[in-house]
C-alpha atoms as a PDB file:
ATOM      1  CA  UNK A   1     -46.165 -58.613  84.259  1.00  0.00           C
ATOM      2  CA  UNK A   2     -45.202 -57.515  87.742  1.00  0.00           C
ATOM      3  CA  UNK A   3     -46.961 -58.582  90.913  1.00  0.00           C
ATOM      4  CA  UNK A   4     -48.466 -55.117  91.375  1.00  0.00           C
ATOM      5  CA  UNK A   5     -49.985 -55.180  87.907  1.00  0.00           C
ATOM      6  CA  UNK A   6     -51.473 -58.598  88.629  1.00  0.00           C
ATOM      7  CA  UNK A   7     -53.004 -57.310  91.864  1.00  0.00           C
ATOM      8  CA  UNK A   8     -54.458 -54.247  90.114  1.00  0.00           C
ATOM      9  CA  UNK A   9     -55.802 -56.475  87.349  1.00  0.00           C
ATOM     10  CA  UNK A  10     -57.465 -58.724  89.896  1.00  0.00           C
ATOM     11  CA  UNK A  11     -58.961 -55.752  91.765  1.00  0.00           C
ATOM     12  CA  UNK A  12     -60.245 -54.315  88.491  1.00  0.00           C
ATOM     13  CA  UNK A  13     -61.801 -57.675  87.578  1.00  0.00           C
ATOM     14  CA  UNK A  14     -63.523 -57.884  90.972  1.00  0.00           C
ATOM     15  CA  UNK A  15     -64.880 -54.343  90.629  1.00  0.00           C
ATOM     16  CA  UNK A  16     -66.220 -55.067  87.142  1.00  0.00           C
ATOM     17  CA  UNK A  17     -67.875 -58.243  88.384  1.00  0.00           C
ATOM     18  CA  UNK A  18     -69.436 -56.264  91.237  1.00  0.00           C
ATOM     19  CA  UNK A  19     -70.867 -53.750  88.745  1.00  0.00           C
ATOM     20  CA  UNK A  20     -72.228 -56.553  86.598  1.00  0.00           C
ATOM     21  CA  UNK A  21     -73.856 -58.213  89.600  1.00  0.00           C
ATOM     22  CA  UNK A  22     -75.432 -54.885  90.588  1.00  0.00           C
ATOM     23  CA  UNK A  23     -76.847 -54.492  87.082  1.00  0.00           C
ATOM     24  CA  UNK A  24     -78.108 -58.073  87.151  1.00  0.00           C
ATOM     25  CA  UNK A  25     -79.722 -57.439  90.535  1.00  0.00           C
ATOM     26  CA  UNK A  26     -81.564 -54.416  89.122  1.00  0.00           C
ATOM     27  CA  UNK A  27     -82.778 -56.463  86.145  1.00  0.00           C
ATOM     28  CA  UNK A  28     -84.047 -59.206  88.455  1.00  0.00           C
ATOM     29  CA  UNK A  29     -85.896 -56.636  90.572  1.00  0.00           C
ATOM     30  CA  UNK A  30     -87.544 -55.158  87.470  1.00  0.00           C
ATOM     31  CA  UNK A  31     -88.478 -58.649  86.296  1.00  0.00           C
ATOM     32  CA  UNK A  32     -89.998 -59.384  89.690  1.00  0.00           C
ATOM     33  CA  UNK A  33     -92.131 -56.260  89.439  1.00  0.00           C
ATOM     34  CA  UNK A  34     -93.193 -57.146  85.916  1.00  0.00           C
ATOM     35  CA  UNK A  35     -94.157 -60.679  86.929  1.00  0.00           C
ATOM     36  CA  UNK A  36     -96.110 -59.380  89.920  1.00  0.00           C
ATOM     37  CA  UNK A  37     -98.035 -56.985  87.686  1.00  0.00           C
ATOM     38  CA  UNK A  38     -98.656 -59.749  85.136  1.00  0.00           C
ATOM     39  CA  UNK A  39     -99.953 -62.066  87.842  1.00  0.00           C
ATOM     40  CA  UNK A  40    -102.279 -59.380  89.166  1.00  0.00           C
ATOM     41  CA  UNK A  41    -103.571 -58.642  85.650  1.00  0.00           C
ATOM     42  CA  UNK A  42    -104.139 -62.349  85.038  1.00  0.00           C
ATOM     43  CA  UNK A  43    -106.210 -62.657  88.207  1.00  0.00           C
ATOM     44  CA  UNK A  44    -108.288 -59.596  87.305  1.00  0.00           C
ATOM     45  CA  UNK A  45    -108.878 -60.927  83.806  1.00  0.00           C
ATOM     46  CA  UNK A  46    -109.945 -64.314  85.158  1.00  0.00           C
ATOM     47  CA  UNK A  47    -112.482 -62.575  87.409  1.00  0.00           C
ATOM     48  CA  UNK A  48    -113.865 -60.570  84.490  1.00  0.00           C
ATOM     49  CA  UNK A  49    -114.205 -63.690  82.357  1.00  0.00           C
ATOM     50  CA  UNK A  50    -116.033 -65.438  85.196  1.00  0.00           C
ATOM     51  CA  UNK A  51    -118.484 -62.536  85.436  1.00  0.00           C
ATOM     52  CA  UNK A  52    -119.114 -62.610  81.685  1.00  0.00           C
ATOM     53  CA  UNK A  53    -119.615 -66.386  81.743  1.00  0.00           C
ATOM     54  CA  UNK A  54    -122.072 -66.021  84.614  1.00  0.00           C
ATOM     55  CA  UNK A  55    -123.999 -63.372  82.720  1.00  0.00           C
ATOM     56  CA  UNK A  56    -124.159 -65.530  79.585  1.00  0.00           C
ATOM     57  CA  UNK A  57    -125.299 -68.581  81.541  1.00  0.00           C
ATOM     58  CA  UNK A  58    -127.979 -66.514  83.223  1.00  0.00           C
ATOM     59  CA  UNK A  59    -129.227 -65.205  79.889  1.00  0.00           C
ATOM     60  CA  UNK A  60    -129.223 -68.722  78.417  1.00  0.00           C
ATOM     61  CA  UNK A  61    -131.159 -70.082  81.405  1.00  0.00           C
ATOM     62  CA  UNK A  62    -133.615 -67.209  81.144  1.00  0.00           C
ATOM     63  CA  UNK A  63    -134.130 -67.823  77.432  1.00  0.00           C
ATOM     64  CA  UNK A  64    -134.625 -71.537  78.028  1.00  0.00           C
ATOM     65  CA  UNK A  65    -137.180 -70.851  80.760  1.00  0.00           C
ATOM     66  CA  UNK A  66    -139.192 -68.560  78.470  1.00  0.00           C
ATOM     67  CA  UNK A  67    -139.595 -71.260  75.804  1.00  0.00           C
END
């Protein structure tokens, strides 16, 4: 293998690695967006559960007071 072929092989390897890193960067960005959305959904769900628990406690207290 000549020196020129080795250089071209190395350049090709670097370019392929660059493409792979770009693809990996895009995947990480998508994952970040997904995790952000999941976190937001989790917080909203926790708030809804708290409201339901408050309602149930209120109804239980009201039922206990009527007895």
